Amino acid sequence: MNKGDLFSIYLDGVMMTVCVLGFYSEEYSGEEMAILAIVSQENMVHMPLEDLEVLFPKRRFIN
C-alpha cells in the first residue's frame, strides 16, 4: 500500500472507494498506522497535475 493508492471495499454491504493519504507510527506501541479517506464516486474529480499546481503552489506546501 502506497500513498495515493485507491481501492474499493465493501462495508455493511455498501461498496466504498478508499484513498491512502499517508502513514505514521503510533506513539506508544510503535505500530504503523494508515490515514485513509473515503471517496464518494459521485464527487470524484480527475484533473491534470498542472491544474492543481496553479491552485496549490509548491513553495507553500511540503509533503
Protein backbone atom coordinates (compact mmCIF):
# COMPACT_ATOMS: atom_id res chain seq x y z
CA MET A 1 0.00 0.00 0.00
CA ASN A 2 1.39 3.41 -1.01
CA LYS A 3 0.29 6.99 -0.51
CA GLY A 4 -2.29 7.87 -3.18
CA ASP A 5 -3.48 4.30 -3.78
CA LEU A 6 -7.23 3.87 -4.38
CA PHE A 7 -9.08 0.66 -3.62
CA SER A 8 -12.67 -0.45 -3.13
CA ILE A 9 -14.06 -2.26 -0.11
CA TYR A 10 -17.48 -3.47 0.96
CA LEU A 11 -18.58 -2.10 4.33
CA ASP A 12 -22.01 -3.17 5.60
CA GLY A 13 -22.89 -4.28 2.06
CA VAL A 14 -22.02 -0.90 0.51
CA MET A 15 -19.07 -0.53 -1.87
CA MET A 16 -16.79 2.35 -0.89
CA THR A 17 -13.68 3.77 -2.55
CA VAL A 18 -10.82 4.44 -0.13
CA CYS A 19 -7.69 6.54 -0.72
CA VAL A 20 -4.46 6.16 1.26
CA LEU A 21 -3.44 9.63 2.49
CA GLY A 22 -0.37 8.75 4.49
CA PHE A 23 1.21 6.76 7.31
CA TYR A 24 2.52 7.35 10.81
CA SER A 25 3.84 5.33 13.75
CA GLU A 26 1.61 5.17 16.80
CA GLU A 27 3.42 6.92 19.64
CA TYR A 28 3.07 4.34 22.40
CA SER A 29 3.01 0.99 20.58
CA GLY A 30 5.14 1.92 17.56
CA GLU A 31 2.56 0.23 15.33
CA GLU A 32 2.43 1.66 11.79
CA MET A 33 -0.96 3.25 11.07
CA ALA A 34 -2.53 4.29 7.77
CA ILE A 35 -4.52 7.51 7.27
CA LEU A 36 -7.43 6.76 4.92
CA ALA A 37 -10.15 8.83 3.26
CA ILE A 38 -13.45 7.55 1.90
CA VAL A 39 -14.05 8.95 -1.57
CA SER A 40 -17.55 9.37 -2.99
CA GLN A 41 -17.67 8.14 -6.60
CA GLU A 42 -20.19 10.90 -7.42
CA ASN A 43 -17.79 13.61 -6.22
CA MET A 44 -14.53 12.20 -7.58
CA VAL A 45 -12.78 14.61 -9.94
CA HIS A 46 -9.84 13.80 -12.21
CA MET A 47 -7.65 16.73 -13.23
CA PRO A 48 -4.12 17.25 -14.58
CA LEU A 49 -1.37 17.85 -12.02
CA GLU A 50 -0.53 21.17 -13.71
CA ASP A 51 -4.02 22.46 -12.85
CA LEU A 52 -3.51 21.57 -9.18
CA GLU A 53 -0.13 23.32 -9.07
CA VAL A 54 -1.87 26.57 -10.02
CA LEU A 55 -4.20 26.20 -7.01
CA PHE A 56 -1.52 24.98 -4.57
CA PRO A 57 1.90 26.49 -5.32
CA LYS A 58 4.81 24.20 -4.38
CA ARG A 59 6.50 26.81 -2.21
CA ARG A 60 3.56 26.91 0.21
CA PHE A 61 3.03 23.18 0.76
CA ILE A 62 5.56 20.49 1.56
CA ASN A 63 4.73 16.79 1.59
